[in-house]
Structure formats: C-alpha cells, structure tokens
Amino acid sequence: MSGAQNLVLNYLSTINPKGRLLDMPAGQGYLAERTRNMGFNVDCCDIDPELFRLNGIVCRKVNLNRDSLPYESESFDFVVSVGGLHRLFNPKNAIAEAWRVLVPRGLFIIGLKNYSSIRRRLLFLISGFHGRNIITQSCHQTIEDPEANFRFPITAVHLSNILQNIGFSVQEIKADGISVEGVILFPLVLMIKAHSTMRRSYYSGKMYMEFSDPLPVLMGKKYILVVSQKR
C-alpha cells in the first residue's frame, strides 16, 4: 500500500455518513475494496479494466484524458483519485468530470506524489529530472495504449489552479509527514515560502497562488493529500 493510499484511506475513515464513492482510476481495486469495507457504495472506472481484481464491483473502461464519465450528473458524494492525475496528459478533463458527477458540496479527494517538496526541487536542480519513472515512463498495465503508459510531474500549484478554475474550493493539503530534508533545509524552505508570498500580488487575477508553496508540501515526504469541495 502506497503512502498516497494511506493518506486517502485515513481521511475517508473519518467521514460519516459514507455515501456513494467513485474510484478513478481504480487500478487493481485495492482502494475500492477498503472503501467498500468501510461502508461506502463504490463504483470504479479505469482505462485498463483488465487490471481490476475485485469481485462484486464492475470497473468500467474510461479514458480520463478525454472521455465523459458514464455516470449521471450529481450522482456521487465522493470522488477519489489516488496515483491517477499524474498519469494523465489532460487532467483537466478528469477533474471537470469529477465536478460534474459530484453532488453540490461533494468532495474530490486526491492522493498523489509530492512533486513540489524541497527534496524533489533539489533533485531536479542537481539531476535535471523529477524521478526515474518520469524518465522511463514505467507503468504496470495490461495494454499498450500510450495514454495508459504515461507519467507527468503535476505540482500542487498546477493541481490547485485546475481545481479552482473548474469550480472546486481546496479545503486541505497535507503530506505523509515531514522529511529529513525539510528539517535540515528549513531556512531554504522559509525563503521559498517568502518568495511565494511576495509573488502572489504579481499573479493576482492570473493564477490561484494560495496553495503554491504550503509548508506541508514543501517540507513533506513522498506523498500528499488534496481535499477539495464542489462549489
């Protein structure tokens, strides 16, 4: 189980009542199984449904880069995406569809790699790349479709801008703990945070900068949780 799955499952365990939940993309069904056991009414979709291993739930084939979700508008209380949005070249489509199928004030709960941490920034500065999987585009799929075998280092500010432009309100961003690098490089973290605060006035009206460099992201470990609510 990845740190992103842990973050999302821990958050979902605090929610009552449970309601109807869409897991996209569902992968092998790990998250779907655990959310079903929590009491959620779970639906699933994925570009590669042959990967799905969970009995009792149908995983529908959906290309989140371009397809409309095969569900009615305002039919889900929760949409969850773990390790999925950085696998899309067009995450805006998936996020817009999540907004459409959510009920008013429904929650879109996202778990993904923390590409904005001080550790990742230094890695890119020194090596010139974000990680081995981004370079190799290494993916575990049963199909050869290039759109199923893609990785992109989506950052917190990129994600929050798409969410808020589409009609979500970002409620919370947290990481899976504080990294050693975040502690050692705390003075540098404060400099980045100060620079981020100063540039907000320049980008006012052009970009949403409130979540460009939150401390949980800058000092965080490998994964982050982003919770947004449909406005």
C-alpha atoms as a PDB file:
ATOM      1  CA  MET A   1       0.000   0.000   0.000  1.00  0.00           C
ATOM      2  CA  SER A   2       1.420   3.381  -1.003  1.00  0.00           C
ATOM      3  CA  GLY A   3       1.645   6.444   1.202  1.00  0.00           C
ATOM      4  CA  ALA A   4      -0.947   8.160  -1.015  1.00  0.00           C
ATOM      5  CA  GLN A   5      -3.430   5.337  -0.396  1.00  0.00           C
ATOM      6  CA  ASN A   6      -2.772   5.547   3.348  1.00  0.00           C
ATOM      7  CA  LEU A   7      -3.438   9.291   3.382  1.00  0.00           C
ATOM      8  CA  VAL A   8      -6.715   8.904   1.491  1.00  0.00           C
ATOM      9  CA  LEU A   9      -7.955   5.907   3.491  1.00  0.00           C
ATOM     10  CA  ASN A  10      -7.153   7.604   6.802  1.00  0.00           C
ATOM     11  CA  TYR A  11      -9.111  10.660   5.673  1.00  0.00           C
ATOM     12  CA  LEU A  12     -12.078   8.601   4.441  1.00  0.00           C
ATOM     13  CA  SER A  13     -12.204   6.668   7.711  1.00  0.00           C
ATOM     14  CA  THR A  14     -13.198   9.907   9.498  1.00  0.00           C
ATOM     15  CA  ILE A  15     -16.183  10.601   7.215  1.00  0.00           C
ATOM     16  CA  ASN A  16     -19.761   9.878   8.279  1.00  0.00           C
ATOM     17  CA  PRO A  17     -22.154   9.178   6.691  1.00  0.00           C
ATOM     18  CA  LYS A  18     -20.250   7.308   3.977  1.00  0.00           C
ATOM     19  CA  GLY A  19     -22.382   7.691   0.832  1.00  0.00           C
ATOM     20  CA  ARG A  20     -21.635   6.857  -2.799  1.00  0.00           C
ATOM     21  CA  LEU A  21     -17.991   6.966  -3.935  1.00  0.00           C
ATOM     22  CA  LEU A  22     -16.305   6.842  -7.348  1.00  0.00           C
ATOM     23  CA  ASP A  23     -12.738   5.490  -7.514  1.00  0.00           C
ATOM     24  CA  MET A  24     -10.964   6.785 -10.649  1.00  0.00           C
ATOM     25  CA  PRO A  25      -8.695   5.322 -11.895  1.00  0.00           C
ATOM     26  CA  ALA A  26      -9.291   2.172  -9.878  1.00  0.00           C
ATOM     27  CA  GLY A  27      -6.218   0.133 -10.855  1.00  0.00           C
ATOM     28  CA  GLN A  28      -6.332  -3.331  -9.291  1.00  0.00           C
ATOM     29  CA  GLY A  29      -9.105  -2.372  -6.874  1.00  0.00           C
ATOM     30  CA  TYR A  30      -7.111  -2.026  -3.648  1.00  0.00           C
ATOM     31  CA  LEU A  31      -8.719   1.271  -2.614  1.00  0.00           C
ATOM     32  CA  ALA A  32     -12.156   0.149  -3.806  1.00  0.00           C
ATOM     33  CA  GLU A  33     -12.018  -2.940  -1.597  1.00  0.00           C
ATOM     34  CA  ARG A  34     -11.084  -0.994   1.509  1.00  0.00           C
ATOM     35  CA  THR A  35     -13.602   1.790   0.964  1.00  0.00           C
ATOM     36  CA  ARG A  36     -16.328  -0.789   0.358  1.00  0.00           C
ATOM     37  CA  ASN A  37     -15.371  -2.438   3.663  1.00  0.00           C
ATOM     38  CA  MET A  38     -15.697   0.981   5.343  1.00  0.00           C
ATOM     39  CA  GLY A  39     -19.320   1.173   4.197  1.00  0.00           C
ATOM     40  CA  PHE A  40     -19.103   3.263   1.022  1.00  0.00           C
ATOM     41  CA  ASN A  41     -21.184   2.371  -2.037  1.00  0.00           C
ATOM     42  CA  VAL A  42     -18.323   2.108  -4.558  1.00  0.00           C
ATOM     43  CA  ASP A  43     -18.174   2.475  -8.341  1.00  0.00           C
ATOM     44  CA  CYS A  44     -14.952   2.159 -10.347  1.00  0.00           C
ATOM     45  CA  CYS A  45     -13.513   3.095 -13.730  1.00  0.00           C
ATOM     46  CA  ASP A  46     -10.112   2.814 -15.388  1.00  0.00           C
ATOM     47  CA  ILE A  47      -8.500   2.984 -18.836  1.00  0.00           C
ATOM     48  CA  ASP A  48      -7.300  -0.610 -18.280  1.00  0.00           C
ATOM     49  CA  PRO A  49     -10.109  -2.533 -16.514  1.00  0.00           C
ATOM     50  CA  GLU A  50      -8.310  -5.847 -17.087  1.00  0.00           C
ATOM     51  CA  LEU A  51      -6.074  -4.848 -14.167  1.00  0.00           C
ATOM     52  CA  PHE A  52      -9.066  -4.803 -11.806  1.00  0.00           C
ATOM     53  CA  ARG A  53      -9.129  -7.802  -9.435  1.00  0.00           C
ATOM     54  CA  LEU A  54     -12.010  -7.083  -7.050  1.00  0.00           C
ATOM     55  CA  ASN A  55     -15.122  -9.256  -7.179  1.00  0.00           C
ATOM     56  CA  GLY A  56     -18.556  -7.709  -6.773  1.00  0.00           C
ATOM     57  CA  ILE A  57     -17.777  -4.361  -8.415  1.00  0.00           C
ATOM     58  CA  VAL A  58     -17.750  -3.657 -12.149  1.00  0.00           C
ATOM     59  CA  CYS A  59     -14.849  -1.496 -13.350  1.00  0.00           C
ATOM     60  CA  ARG A  60     -15.931   0.465 -16.429  1.00  0.00           C
ATOM     61  CA  LYS A  61     -13.476   1.330 -19.180  1.00  0.00           C
ATOM     62  CA  VAL A  62     -12.911   5.105 -19.264  1.00  0.00           C
ATOM     63  CA  ASN A  63     -10.060   7.166 -20.701  1.00  0.00           C
ATOM     64  CA  LEU A  64      -9.910  10.016 -18.190  1.00  0.00           C
ATOM     65  CA  ASN A  65      -7.911  12.171 -20.619  1.00  0.00           C
ATOM     66  CA  ARG A  66     -10.847  12.543 -22.982  1.00  0.00           C
ATOM     67  CA  ASP A  67     -13.966  10.540 -22.068  1.00  0.00           C
ATOM     68  CA  SER A  68     -17.057  11.638 -20.209  1.00  0.00           C
ATOM     69  CA  LEU A  69     -17.687   9.533 -17.131  1.00  0.00           C
ATOM     70  CA  PRO A  70     -20.528   7.018 -17.708  1.00  0.00           C
ATOM     71  CA  TYR A  71     -22.494   8.304 -14.720  1.00  0.00           C
ATOM     72  CA  GLU A  72     -25.282  10.835 -14.260  1.00  0.00           C
ATOM     73  CA  SER A  73     -24.512  14.357 -13.097  1.00  0.00           C
ATOM     74  CA  GLU A  74     -24.628  14.962  -9.332  1.00  0.00           C
ATOM     75  CA  SER A  75     -24.740  11.222  -8.573  1.00  0.00           C
ATOM     76  CA  PHE A  76     -21.728  10.829  -6.206  1.00  0.00           C
ATOM     77  CA  ASP A  77     -20.992  12.150  -2.736  1.00  0.00           C
ATOM     78  CA  PHE A  78     -17.256  11.499  -3.124  1.00  0.00           C
ATOM     79  CA  VAL A  79     -14.813  11.094  -5.986  1.00  0.00           C
ATOM     80  CA  VAL A  80     -11.392   9.656  -5.155  1.00  0.00           C
ATOM     81  CA  SER A  81      -8.278   9.623  -7.323  1.00  0.00           C
ATOM     82  CA  VAL A  82      -5.121   8.016  -5.918  1.00  0.00           C
ATOM     83  CA  GLY A  83      -1.976   7.985  -8.021  1.00  0.00           C
ATOM     84  CA  GLY A  84      -4.017   8.860 -11.075  1.00  0.00           C
ATOM     85  CA  LEU A  85      -3.820  12.521 -12.033  1.00  0.00           C
ATOM     86  CA  HIS A  86      -0.067  12.427 -12.665  1.00  0.00           C
ATOM     87  CA  ARG A  87      -0.778   9.595 -15.119  1.00  0.00           C
ATOM     88  CA  LEU A  88      -2.843  11.896 -17.368  1.00  0.00           C
ATOM     89  CA  PHE A  89      -1.704  14.331 -20.051  1.00  0.00           C
ATOM     90  CA  ASN A  90      -5.069  16.095 -19.737  1.00  0.00           C
ATOM     91  CA  PRO A  91      -6.007  16.065 -16.030  1.00  0.00           C
ATOM     92  CA  LYS A  92      -8.404  18.952 -16.632  1.00  0.00           C
ATOM     93  CA  ASN A  93     -10.888  16.583 -18.299  1.00  0.00           C
ATOM     94  CA  ALA A  94     -10.861  14.172 -15.354  1.00  0.00           C
ATOM     95  CA  ILE A  95     -11.260  16.997 -12.842  1.00  0.00           C
ATOM     96  CA  ALA A  96     -14.108  18.585 -14.809  1.00  0.00           C
ATOM     97  CA  GLU A  97     -15.881  15.224 -14.954  1.00  0.00           C
ATOM     98  CA  ALA A  98     -15.362  14.725 -11.226  1.00  0.00           C
ATOM     99  CA  TRP A  99     -17.016  18.113 -10.682  1.00  0.00           C
ATOM    100  CA  ARG A 100     -19.945  17.135 -12.926  1.00  0.00           C
ATOM    101  CA  VAL A 101     -20.756  13.832 -11.194  1.00  0.00           C
ATOM    102  CA  LEU A 102     -20.382  15.189  -7.650  1.00  0.00           C
ATOM    103  CA  VAL A 103     -23.368  16.466  -5.716  1.00  0.00           C
ATOM    104  CA  PRO A 104     -23.183  20.112  -4.591  1.00  0.00           C
ATOM    105  CA  ARG A 105     -20.568  20.389  -1.826  1.00  0.00           C
ATOM    106  CA  GLY A 106     -19.363  16.872  -2.654  1.00  0.00           C
ATOM    107  CA  LEU A 107     -15.697  16.084  -2.018  1.00  0.00           C
ATOM    108  CA  PHE A 108     -12.949  15.313  -4.529  1.00  0.00           C
ATOM    109  CA  ILE A 109     -10.178  13.526  -2.601  1.00  0.00           C
ATOM    110  CA  ILE A 110      -6.805  13.200  -4.314  1.00  0.00           C
ATOM    111  CA  GLY A 111      -3.662  11.321  -3.317  1.00  0.00           C
ATOM    112  CA  LEU A 112      -0.525  11.707  -5.403  1.00  0.00           C
ATOM    113  CA  LYS A 113       3.244  12.027  -5.333  1.00  0.00           C
ATOM    114  CA  ASN A 114       4.624  15.210  -3.826  1.00  0.00           C
ATOM    115  CA  TYR A 115       6.457  16.734  -6.784  1.00  0.00           C
ATOM    116  CA  SER A 116       6.673  20.121  -5.004  1.00  0.00           C
ATOM    117  CA  SER A 117       8.699  19.124  -1.928  1.00  0.00           C
ATOM    118  CA  ILE A 118      12.090  20.642  -1.179  1.00  0.00           C
ATOM    119  CA  ARG A 119      13.596  17.196  -1.787  1.00  0.00           C
ATOM    120  CA  ARG A 120      12.081  16.953  -5.279  1.00  0.00           C
ATOM    121  CA  ARG A 121      13.123  20.515  -6.110  1.00  0.00           C
ATOM    122  CA  LEU A 122      16.714  19.820  -5.143  1.00  0.00           C
ATOM    123  CA  LEU A 123      16.676  16.542  -7.074  1.00  0.00           C
ATOM    124  CA  PHE A 124      15.590  18.407 -10.186  1.00  0.00           C
ATOM    125  CA  LEU A 125      18.159  21.168  -9.612  1.00  0.00           C
ATOM    126  CA  ILE A 126      21.014  18.671  -9.288  1.00  0.00           C
ATOM    127  CA  SER A 127      19.980  15.912 -11.700  1.00  0.00           C
ATOM    128  CA  GLY A 128      17.709  17.707 -14.159  1.00  0.00           C
ATOM    129  CA  PHE A 129      14.862  15.209 -13.795  1.00  0.00           C
ATOM    130  CA  HIS A 130      11.998  14.524 -11.377  1.00  0.00           C
ATOM    131  CA  GLY A 131      12.459  10.777 -10.967  1.00  0.00           C
ATOM    132  CA  ARG A 132      13.268   7.542 -12.751  1.00  0.00           C
ATOM    133  CA  ASN A 133       9.647   6.679 -13.540  1.00  0.00           C
ATOM    134  CA  ILE A 134       9.122  10.047 -15.245  1.00  0.00           C
ATOM    135  CA  ILE A 135      12.146   9.426 -17.485  1.00  0.00           C
ATOM    136  CA  THR A 136      11.372   5.783 -18.293  1.00  0.00           C
ATOM    137  CA  GLN A 137       7.551   6.223 -18.271  1.00  0.00           C
ATOM    138  CA  SER A 138       7.498   2.895 -16.442  1.00  0.00           C
ATOM    139  CA  CYS A 139       3.911   1.725 -15.836  1.00  0.00           C
ATOM    140  CA  HIS A 140       2.239  -1.551 -14.860  1.00  0.00           C
ATOM    141  CA  GLN A 141      -0.551  -2.048 -17.415  1.00  0.00           C
ATOM    142  CA  THR A 142      -2.086  -4.896 -19.447  1.00  0.00           C
ATOM    143  CA  ILE A 143      -2.471  -2.714 -22.561  1.00  0.00           C
ATOM    144  CA  GLU A 144      -0.001  -0.901 -24.811  1.00  0.00           C
ATOM    145  CA  ASP A 145      -2.118   2.252 -25.225  1.00  0.00           C
ATOM    146  CA  PRO A 146       0.320   5.194 -24.840  1.00  0.00           C
ATOM    147  CA  GLU A 147      -2.306   7.070 -22.819  1.00  0.00           C
ATOM    148  CA  ALA A 148      -2.254   4.260 -20.240  1.00  0.00           C
ATOM    149  CA  ASN A 149       1.545   4.366 -20.048  1.00  0.00           C
ATOM    150  CA  PHE A 150       2.240   7.988 -19.248  1.00  0.00           C
ATOM    151  CA  ARG A 151       3.564   9.945 -16.246  1.00  0.00           C
ATOM    152  CA  PHE A 152       3.680  13.683 -15.633  1.00  0.00           C
ATOM    153  CA  PRO A 153       5.035  15.518 -12.539  1.00  0.00           C
ATOM    154  CA  ILE A 154       1.942  17.539 -11.634  1.00  0.00           C
ATOM    155  CA  THR A 155       2.659  20.024  -8.835  1.00  0.00           C
ATOM    156  CA  ALA A 156       0.472  21.343  -6.023  1.00  0.00           C
ATOM    157  CA  VAL A 157       0.090  24.791  -7.634  1.00  0.00           C
ATOM    158  CA  HIS A 158      -0.779  23.270 -11.023  1.00  0.00           C
ATOM    159  CA  LEU A 159      -3.378  20.998  -9.466  1.00  0.00           C
ATOM    160  CA  SER A 160      -4.924  23.696  -7.264  1.00  0.00           C
ATOM    161  CA  ASN A 161      -5.255  26.039 -10.235  1.00  0.00           C
ATOM    162  CA  ILE A 162      -7.128  23.445 -12.301  1.00  0.00           C
ATOM    163  CA  LEU A 163      -9.369  22.562  -9.348  1.00  0.00           C
ATOM    164  CA  GLN A 164     -10.322  26.156  -8.572  1.00  0.00           C
ATOM    165  CA  ASN A 165     -10.782  27.205 -12.210  1.00  0.00           C
ATOM    166  CA  ILE A 166     -13.211  24.324 -12.714  1.00  0.00           C
ATOM    167  CA  GLY A 167     -15.261  25.112  -9.618  1.00  0.00           C
ATOM    168  CA  PHE A 168     -13.706  23.412  -6.619  1.00  0.00           C
ATOM    169  CA  SER A 169     -12.607  25.010  -3.361  1.00  0.00           C
ATOM    170  CA  VAL A 170      -9.390  23.488  -1.986  1.00  0.00           C
ATOM    171  CA  GLN A 171     -10.096  22.578   1.647  1.00  0.00           C
ATOM    172  CA  GLU A 172      -6.914  20.865   2.764  1.00  0.00           C
ATOM    173  CA  ILE A 173      -3.443  19.879   1.624  1.00  0.00           C
ATOM    174  CA  LYS A 174      -1.320  17.617   3.802  1.00  0.00           C
ATOM    175  CA  ALA A 175       1.702  15.364   3.372  1.00  0.00           C
ATOM    176  CA  ASP A 176       2.615  11.964   4.783  1.00  0.00           C
ATOM    177  CA  GLY A 177       4.929  13.511   7.367  1.00  0.00           C
ATOM    178  CA  ILE A 178       7.915  15.862   7.432  1.00  0.00           C
ATOM    179  CA  SER A 179      11.023  14.808   5.538  1.00  0.00           C
ATOM    180  CA  VAL A 180      14.575  14.915   6.894  1.00  0.00           C
ATOM    181  CA  GLU A 181      15.451  17.280   4.045  1.00  0.00           C
ATOM    182  CA  GLY A 182      12.605  19.569   5.070  1.00  0.00           C
ATOM    183  CA  VAL A 183      14.019  19.878   8.581  1.00  0.00           C
ATOM    184  CA  ILE A 184      17.656  20.294   7.529  1.00  0.00           C
ATOM    185  CA  LEU A 185      16.790  22.817   4.824  1.00  0.00           C
ATOM    186  CA  PHE A 186      14.169  24.720   6.826  1.00  0.00           C
ATOM    187  CA  PRO A 187      15.870  28.125   6.248  1.00  0.00           C
ATOM    188  CA  LEU A 188      15.667  27.488   2.491  1.00  0.00           C
ATOM    189  CA  VAL A 189      12.027  26.427   2.896  1.00  0.00           C
ATOM    190  CA  LEU A 190      11.273  29.766   4.590  1.00  0.00           C
ATOM    191  CA  MET A 191      12.981  31.649   1.739  1.00  0.00           C
ATOM    192  CA  ILE A 192      10.860  29.800  -0.836  1.00  0.00           C
ATOM    193  CA  LYS A 193       7.731  30.488   1.218  1.00  0.00           C
ATOM    194  CA  ALA A 194       8.590  34.212   1.466  1.00  0.00           C
ATOM    195  CA  HIS A 195       9.204  34.412  -2.281  1.00  0.00           C
ATOM    196  CA  SER A 196       5.893  32.657  -2.925  1.00  0.00           C
ATOM    197  CA  THR A 197       4.072  35.139  -0.705  1.00  0.00           C
ATOM    198  CA  MET A 198       5.625  38.136  -2.471  1.00  0.00           C
ATOM    199  CA  ARG A 199       4.812  36.913  -5.971  1.00  0.00           C
ATOM    200  CA  ARG A 200       1.115  36.421  -5.193  1.00  0.00           C
ATOM    201  CA  SER A 201       0.422  40.102  -5.850  1.00  0.00           C
ATOM    202  CA  TYR A 202       2.044  39.808  -9.290  1.00  0.00           C
ATOM    203  CA  TYR A 203      -0.080  36.790 -10.206  1.00  0.00           C
ATOM    204  CA  SER A 204      -3.280  38.195  -8.667  1.00  0.00           C
ATOM    205  CA  GLY A 205      -6.129  37.677 -11.127  1.00  0.00           C
ATOM    206  CA  LYS A 206      -3.979  35.394 -13.306  1.00  0.00           C
ATOM    207  CA  MET A 207      -3.390  32.352 -11.116  1.00  0.00           C
ATOM    208  CA  TYR A 208      -4.539  30.915  -7.801  1.00  0.00           C
ATOM    209  CA  MET A 209      -1.391  31.120  -5.662  1.00  0.00           C
ATOM    210  CA  GLU A 210      -2.779  30.320  -2.210  1.00  0.00           C
ATOM    211  CA  PHE A 211      -1.514  26.748  -2.435  1.00  0.00           C
ATOM    212  CA  SER A 212       1.654  27.326  -4.440  1.00  0.00           C
ATOM    213  CA  ASP A 213       4.077  26.554  -1.604  1.00  0.00           C
ATOM    214  CA  PRO A 214       2.254  25.386   1.543  1.00  0.00           C
ATOM    215  CA  LEU A 215       4.616  24.236   4.294  1.00  0.00           C
ATOM    216  CA  PRO A 216       3.150  20.691   4.453  1.00  0.00           C
ATOM    217  CA  VAL A 217       4.058  20.314   0.771  1.00  0.00           C
ATOM    218  CA  LEU A 218       7.482  21.974   0.916  1.00  0.00           C
ATOM    219  CA  MET A 219       8.581  20.028   3.990  1.00  0.00           C
ATOM    220  CA  GLY A 220       6.619  16.899   3.187  1.00  0.00           C
ATOM    221  CA  LYS A 221       7.737  13.419   2.353  1.00  0.00           C
ATOM    222  CA  LYS A 222       6.796  11.455  -0.751  1.00  0.00           C
ATOM    223  CA  TYR A 223       3.005  11.864  -0.989  1.00  0.00           C
ATOM    224  CA  ILE A 224       0.314  14.495  -0.482  1.00  0.00           C
ATOM    225  CA  LEU A 225      -3.425  14.523   0.113  1.00  0.00           C
ATOM    226  CA  VAL A 226      -5.537  17.228  -1.534  1.00  0.00           C
ATOM    227  CA  VAL A 227      -9.189  17.594  -0.476  1.00  0.00           C
ATOM    228  CA  SER A 228     -11.439  19.899  -2.485  1.00  0.00           C
ATOM    229  CA  GLN A 229     -15.155  20.628  -2.353  1.00  0.00           C
ATOM    230  CA  LYS A 230     -17.511  21.326  -5.240  1.00  0.00           C
ATOM    231  CA  ARG A 231     -18.692  24.921  -5.072  1.00  0.00           C
END
